[in-house]
PDB file of all heavy atoms in Angstrom:
ATOM      1  N   CYS A   1     -50.898 -22.746  76.147  1.00  0.00           N
ATOM      2  CA  CYS A   1     -52.074 -23.628  76.154  1.00  0.00           C
ATOM      3  C   CYS A   1     -53.346 -22.803  76.037  1.00  0.00           C
ATOM      4  O   CYS A   1     -53.384 -21.648  76.458  1.00  0.00           O
ATOM      5  CB  CYS A   1     -52.155 -24.429  77.461  1.00  0.00           C
ATOM      6  SG  CYS A   1     -50.631 -25.278  77.933  1.00  0.00           S
ATOM      7  N   ASN A   2     -54.404 -23.426  75.509  1.00  0.00           N
ATOM      8  CA  ASN A   2     -55.692 -22.742  75.488  1.00  0.00           C
ATOM      9  C   ASN A   2     -56.228 -22.628  76.921  1.00  0.00           C
ATOM     10  O   ASN A   2     -55.625 -23.145  77.864  1.00  0.00           O
ATOM     11  CB  ASN A   2     -56.681 -23.478  74.584  1.00  0.00           C
ATOM     12  CG  ASN A   2     -57.182 -24.757  75.215  1.00  0.00           C
ATOM     13  OD1 ASN A   2     -56.406 -25.664  75.469  1.00  0.00           O
ATOM     14  ND2 ASN A   2     -58.463 -24.831  75.489  1.00  0.00           N
ATOM     15  N   SER A   3     -57.362 -21.986  77.110  1.00  0.00           N
ATOM     16  CA  SER A   3     -57.817 -21.650  78.458  1.00  0.00           C
ATOM     17  C   SER A   3     -58.271 -22.862  79.266  1.00  0.00           C
ATOM     18  O   SER A   3     -58.805 -23.834  78.722  1.00  0.00           O
ATOM     19  CB  SER A   3     -58.960 -20.635  78.392  1.00  0.00           C
ATOM     20  OG  SER A   3     -60.174 -21.274  78.032  1.00  0.00           O
ATOM     21  N   VAL A   4     -58.068 -22.767  80.579  1.00  0.00           N
ATOM     22  CA  VAL A   4     -58.554 -23.784  81.507  1.00  0.00           C
ATOM     23  C   VAL A   4     -60.076 -23.864  81.450  1.00  0.00           C
ATOM     24  O   VAL A   4     -60.659 -24.954  81.484  1.00  0.00           O
ATOM     25  CB  VAL A   4     -58.075 -23.467  82.946  1.00  0.00           C
ATOM     26  CG1 VAL A   4     -58.862 -24.276  83.985  1.00  0.00           C
ATOM     27  CG2 VAL A   4     -56.585 -23.740  83.072  1.00  0.00           C
ATOM     28  N   VAL A   5     -60.744 -22.709  81.330  1.00  0.00           N
ATOM     29  CA  VAL A   5     -62.214 -22.692  81.273  1.00  0.00           C
ATOM     30  C   VAL A   5     -62.704 -23.498  80.071  1.00  0.00           C
ATOM     31  O   VAL A   5     -63.632 -24.315  80.189  1.00  0.00           O
ATOM     32  CB  VAL A   5     -62.764 -21.248  81.209  1.00  0.00           C
ATOM     33  CG1 VAL A   5     -64.273 -21.257  81.012  1.00  0.00           C
ATOM     34  CG2 VAL A   5     -62.417 -20.485  82.472  1.00  0.00           C
ATOM     35  N   ALA A   6     -62.087 -23.300  78.904  1.00  0.00           N
ATOM     36  CA  ALA A   6     -62.498 -24.035  77.707  1.00  0.00           C
ATOM     37  C   ALA A   6     -62.257 -25.533  77.874  1.00  0.00           C
ATOM     38  O   ALA A   6     -63.129 -26.352  77.572  1.00  0.00           O
ATOM     39  CB  ALA A   6     -61.764 -23.510  76.480  1.00  0.00           C
ATOM     40  N   THR A   7     -61.074 -25.899  78.364  1.00  0.00           N
ATOM     41  CA  THR A   7     -60.731 -27.315  78.489  1.00  0.00           C
ATOM     42  C   THR A   7     -61.614 -28.017  79.506  1.00  0.00           C
ATOM     43  O   THR A   7     -62.150 -29.103  79.252  1.00  0.00           O
ATOM     44  CB  THR A   7     -59.251 -27.476  78.885  1.00  0.00           C
ATOM     45  OG1 THR A   7     -58.427 -26.824  77.914  1.00  0.00           O
ATOM     46  CG2 THR A   7     -58.849 -28.944  78.948  1.00  0.00           C
ATOM     47  N   THR A   8     -61.777 -27.414  80.681  1.00  0.00           N
ATOM     48  CA  THR A   8     -62.567 -28.072  81.730  1.00  0.00           C
ATOM     49  C   THR A   8     -64.050 -28.145  81.350  1.00  0.00           C
ATOM     50  O   THR A   8     -64.720 -29.119  81.677  1.00  0.00           O
ATOM     51  CB  THR A   8     -62.399 -27.355  83.078  1.00  0.00           C
ATOM     52  OG1 THR A   8     -62.711 -25.962  82.942  1.00  0.00           O
ATOM     53  CG2 THR A   8     -60.985 -27.496  83.602  1.00  0.00           C
ATOM     54  N   THR A   9     -64.545 -27.121  80.648  1.00  0.00           N
ATOM     55  CA  THR A   9     -65.941 -27.157  80.193  1.00  0.00           C
ATOM     56  C   THR A   9     -66.129 -28.251  79.143  1.00  0.00           C
ATOM     57  O   THR A   9     -67.089 -29.023  79.196  1.00  0.00           O
ATOM     58  CB  THR A   9     -66.370 -25.795  79.614  1.00  0.00           C
ATOM     59  OG1 THR A   9     -66.197 -24.785  80.617  1.00  0.00           O
ATOM     60  CG2 THR A   9     -67.816 -25.816  79.164  1.00  0.00           C
ATOM     61  N   ALA A  10     -65.205 -28.344  78.200  1.00  0.00           N
ATOM     62  CA  ALA A  10     -65.278 -29.382  77.166  1.00  0.00           C
ATOM     63  C   ALA A  10     -65.272 -30.775  77.790  1.00  0.00           C
ATOM     64  O   ALA A  10     -66.003 -31.674  77.341  1.00  0.00           O
ATOM     65  CB  ALA A  10     -64.119 -29.227  76.186  1.00  0.00           C
ATOM     66  N   LEU A  11     -64.474 -30.965  78.839  1.00  0.00           N
ATOM     67  CA  LEU A  11     -64.399 -32.268  79.502  1.00  0.00           C
ATOM     68  C   LEU A  11     -65.728 -32.664  80.144  1.00  0.00           C
ATOM     69  O   LEU A  11     -66.015 -33.856  80.317  1.00  0.00           O
ATOM     70  CB  LEU A  11     -63.297 -32.259  80.566  1.00  0.00           C
ATOM     71  CG  LEU A  11     -61.853 -32.350  80.044  1.00  0.00           C
ATOM     72  CD1 LEU A  11     -60.860 -32.007  81.139  1.00  0.00           C
ATOM     73  CD2 LEU A  11     -61.565 -33.740  79.477  1.00  0.00           C
ATOM     74  N   LYS A  12     -66.536 -31.673  80.491  1.00  0.00           N
ATOM     75  CA  LYS A  12     -67.854 -31.954  81.081  1.00  0.00           C
ATOM     76  C   LYS A  12     -68.908 -32.270  80.024  1.00  0.00           C
ATOM     77  O   LYS A  12     -69.996 -32.743  80.353  1.00  0.00           O
ATOM     78  CB  LYS A  12     -68.328 -30.746  81.909  1.00  0.00           C
ATOM     79  CG  LYS A  12     -67.417 -30.381  83.074  1.00  0.00           C
ATOM     80  CD  LYS A  12     -67.333 -31.481  84.113  1.00  0.00           C
ATOM     81  CE  LYS A  12     -66.487 -31.063  85.308  1.00  0.00           C
ATOM     82  NZ  LYS A  12     -66.334 -32.186  86.281  1.00  0.00           N
ATOM     83  N   LEU A  13     -68.583 -32.004  78.745  1.00  0.00           N
ATOM     84  CA  LEU A  13     -69.572 -32.125  77.672  1.00  0.00           C
ATOM     85  C   LEU A  13     -69.281 -33.252  76.686  1.00  0.00           C
ATOM     86  O   LEU A  13     -70.128 -33.569  75.856  1.00  0.00           O
ATOM     87  CB  LEU A  13     -69.661 -30.801  76.899  1.00  0.00           C
ATOM     88  CG  LEU A  13     -70.021 -29.558  77.710  1.00  0.00           C
ATOM     89  CD1 LEU A  13     -69.948 -28.319  76.827  1.00  0.00           C
ATOM     90  CD2 LEU A  13     -71.402 -29.690  78.339  1.00  0.00           C
ATOM     91  N   ALA A  14     -68.079 -33.830  76.754  1.00  0.00           N
ATOM     92  CA  ALA A  14     -67.678 -34.802  75.734  1.00  0.00           C
ATOM     93  C   ALA A  14     -66.972 -36.002  76.360  1.00  0.00           C
ATOM     94  O   ALA A  14     -66.495 -35.947  77.489  1.00  0.00           O
ATOM     95  CB  ALA A  14     -66.759 -34.125  74.711  1.00  0.00           C
ATOM     96  N   ASP A  15     -66.906 -37.091  75.575  1.00  0.00           N
ATOM     97  CA  ASP A  15     -66.159 -38.278  76.005  1.00  0.00           C
ATOM     98  C   ASP A  15     -64.658 -38.048  75.869  1.00  0.00           C
ATOM     99  O   ASP A  15     -63.872 -38.551  76.665  1.00  0.00           O
ATOM    100  CB  ASP A  15     -66.540 -39.489  75.137  1.00  0.00           C
ATOM    101  CG  ASP A  15     -68.021 -39.812  75.202  1.00  0.00           C
ATOM    102  OD1 ASP A  15     -68.609 -39.633  76.289  1.00  0.00           O
ATOM    103  OD2 ASP A  15     -68.587 -40.221  74.161  1.00  0.00           O
ATOM    104  N   TYR A  16     -64.293 -37.303  74.821  1.00  0.00           N
ATOM    105  CA  TYR A  16     -62.877 -37.039  74.545  1.00  0.00           C
ATOM    106  C   TYR A  16     -62.677 -35.561  74.238  1.00  0.00           C
ATOM    107  O   TYR A  16     -63.457 -34.971  73.492  1.00  0.00           O
ATOM    108  CB  TYR A  16     -62.388 -37.874  73.345  1.00  0.00           C
ATOM    109  CG  TYR A  16     -62.186 -39.327  73.694  1.00  0.00           C
ATOM    110  CD1 TYR A  16     -63.250 -40.223  73.634  1.00  0.00           C
ATOM    111  CD2 TYR A  16     -60.945 -39.796  74.115  1.00  0.00           C
ATOM    112  CE1 TYR A  16     -63.085 -41.556  73.986  1.00  0.00           C
ATOM    113  CE2 TYR A  16     -60.770 -41.127  74.458  1.00  0.00           C
ATOM    114  CZ  TYR A  16     -61.834 -41.994  74.402  1.00  0.00           C
ATOM    115  OH  TYR A  16     -61.665 -43.306  74.761  1.00  0.00           O
ATOM    116  N   VAL A  17     -61.628 -35.001  74.816  1.00  0.00           N
ATOM    117  CA  VAL A  17     -61.236 -33.624  74.511  1.00  0.00           C
ATOM    118  C   VAL A  17     -59.806 -33.667  73.980  1.00  0.00           C
ATOM    119  O   VAL A  17     -58.897 -34.160  74.659  1.00  0.00           O
ATOM    120  CB  VAL A  17     -61.315 -32.717  75.754  1.00  0.00           C
ATOM    121  CG1 VAL A  17     -60.746 -31.335  75.443  1.00  0.00           C
ATOM    122  CG2 VAL A  17     -62.759 -32.599  76.227  1.00  0.00           C
ATOM    123  N   VAL A  18     -59.628 -33.185  72.748  1.00  0.00           N
ATOM    124  CA  VAL A  18     -58.306 -33.180  72.112  1.00  0.00           C
ATOM    125  C   VAL A  18     -57.786 -31.755  72.132  1.00  0.00           C
ATOM    126  O   VAL A  18     -58.399 -30.840  71.570  1.00  0.00           O
ATOM    127  CB  VAL A  18     -58.378 -33.698  70.657  1.00  0.00           C
ATOM    128  CG1 VAL A  18     -56.974 -33.805  70.067  1.00  0.00           C
ATOM    129  CG2 VAL A  18     -59.092 -35.041  70.602  1.00  0.00           C
ATOM    130  N   THR A  19     -56.658 -31.551  72.803  1.00  0.00           N
ATOM    131  CA  THR A  19     -56.085 -30.209  72.893  1.00  0.00           C
ATOM    132  C   THR A  19     -54.628 -30.250  72.483  1.00  0.00           C
ATOM    133  O   THR A  19     -54.018 -31.326  72.413  1.00  0.00           O
ATOM    134  CB  THR A  19     -56.249 -29.644  74.321  1.00  0.00           C
ATOM    135  OG1 THR A  19     -55.918 -28.250  74.316  1.00  0.00           O
ATOM    136  CG2 THR A  19     -55.353 -30.367  75.326  1.00  0.00           C
ATOM    137  N   GLU A  20     -54.069 -29.097  72.210  1.00  0.00           N
ATOM    138  CA  GLU A  20     -52.665 -29.031  71.806  1.00  0.00           C
ATOM    139  C   GLU A  20     -51.907 -28.105  72.737  1.00  0.00           C
ATOM    140  O   GLU A  20     -52.481 -27.274  73.427  1.00  0.00           O
ATOM    141  CB  GLU A  20     -52.533 -28.532  70.366  1.00  0.00           C
ATOM    142  CG  GLU A  20     -52.973 -27.082  70.183  1.00  0.00           C
ATOM    143  CD  GLU A  20     -52.639 -26.523  68.806  1.00  0.00           C
ATOM    144  OE1 GLU A  20     -51.909 -27.163  68.051  1.00  0.00           O
ATOM    145  OE2 GLU A  20     -53.125 -25.422  68.505  1.00  0.00           O
ATOM    146  N   ALA A  21     -50.593 -28.278  72.751  1.00  0.00           N
ATOM    147  CA  ALA A  21     -49.705 -27.361  73.456  1.00  0.00           C
ATOM    148  C   ALA A  21     -48.678 -26.868  72.446  1.00  0.00           C
ATOM    149  O   ALA A  21     -48.264 -27.602  71.562  1.00  0.00           O
ATOM    150  CB  ALA A  21     -49.010 -28.073  74.624  1.00  0.00           C
ATOM    151  N   GLY A  22     -48.278 -25.618  72.552  1.00  0.00           N
ATOM    152  CA  GLY A  22     -47.495 -24.973  71.507  1.00  0.00           C
ATOM    153  C   GLY A  22     -46.117 -25.554  71.274  1.00  0.00           C
ATOM    154  O   GLY A  22     -45.475 -26.081  72.176  1.00  0.00           O
ATOM    155  N   PHE A  23     -45.655 -25.457  70.044  1.00  0.00           N
ATOM    156  CA  PHE A  23     -44.307 -25.848  69.622  1.00  0.00           C
ATOM    157  C   PHE A  23     -43.993 -27.296  70.008  1.00  0.00           C
ATOM    158  O   PHE A  23     -44.886 -28.123  70.096  1.00  0.00           O
ATOM    159  CB  PHE A  23     -43.266 -24.864  70.159  1.00  0.00           C
ATOM    160  CG  PHE A  23     -43.410 -23.471  69.592  1.00  0.00           C
ATOM    161  CD1 PHE A  23     -43.485 -22.363  70.420  1.00  0.00           C
ATOM    162  CD2 PHE A  23     -43.510 -23.260  68.221  1.00  0.00           C
ATOM    163  CE1 PHE A  23     -43.639 -21.081  69.902  1.00  0.00           C
ATOM    164  CE2 PHE A  23     -43.661 -21.986  67.686  1.00  0.00           C
ATOM    165  CZ  PHE A  23     -43.721 -20.894  68.533  1.00  0.00           C
ATOM    166  N   GLY A  24     -42.718 -27.613  70.229  1.00  0.00           N
ATOM    167  CA  GLY A  24     -42.331 -28.985  70.556  1.00  0.00           C
ATOM    168  C   GLY A  24     -42.674 -29.338  71.996  1.00  0.00           C
ATOM    169  O   GLY A  24     -43.009 -28.480  72.816  1.00  0.00           O
ATOM    170  N   ALA A  25     -42.558 -30.635  72.310  1.00  0.00           N
ATOM    171  CA  ALA A  25     -42.918 -31.099  73.650  1.00  0.00           C
ATOM    172  C   ALA A  25     -41.996 -30.532  74.726  1.00  0.00           C
ATOM    173  O   ALA A  25     -42.378 -30.473  75.895  1.00  0.00           O
ATOM    174  CB  ALA A  25     -42.890 -32.630  73.688  1.00  0.00           C
ATOM    175  N   ASP A  26     -40.779 -30.106  74.341  1.00  0.00           N
ATOM    176  CA  ASP A  26     -39.864 -29.543  75.346  1.00  0.00           C
ATOM    177  C   ASP A  26     -40.399 -28.242  75.924  1.00  0.00           C
ATOM    178  O   ASP A  26     -40.109 -27.898  77.075  1.00  0.00           O
ATOM    179  CB  ASP A  26     -38.472 -29.302  74.745  1.00  0.00           C
ATOM    180  CG  ASP A  26     -38.510 -28.398  73.522  1.00  0.00           C
ATOM    181  OD1 ASP A  26     -39.400 -28.568  72.667  1.00  0.00           O
ATOM    182  OD2 ASP A  26     -37.630 -27.519  73.398  1.00  0.00           O
ATOM    183  N   LEU A  27     -41.194 -27.511  75.141  1.00  0.00           N
ATOM    184  CA  LEU A  27     -41.824 -26.277  75.630  1.00  0.00           C
ATOM    185  C   LEU A  27     -43.294 -26.517  75.945  1.00  0.00           C
ATOM    186  O   LEU A  27     -43.718 -26.465  77.094  1.00  0.00           O
ATOM    187  CB  LEU A  27     -41.690 -25.166  74.583  1.00  0.00           C
ATOM    188  CG  LEU A  27     -40.320 -24.510  74.467  1.00  0.00           C
ATOM    189  CD1 LEU A  27     -40.274 -23.587  73.260  1.00  0.00           C
ATOM    190  CD2 LEU A  27     -39.987 -23.726  75.722  1.00  0.00           C
TER     191      LEU A  27
END
């Protein structure tokens, strides 16, 4: 996953934050 700092900061600045997690959902 990308950094917690990036995700939590984005959540404070936007209505929606779209992030991804690597490979398939099982991982």
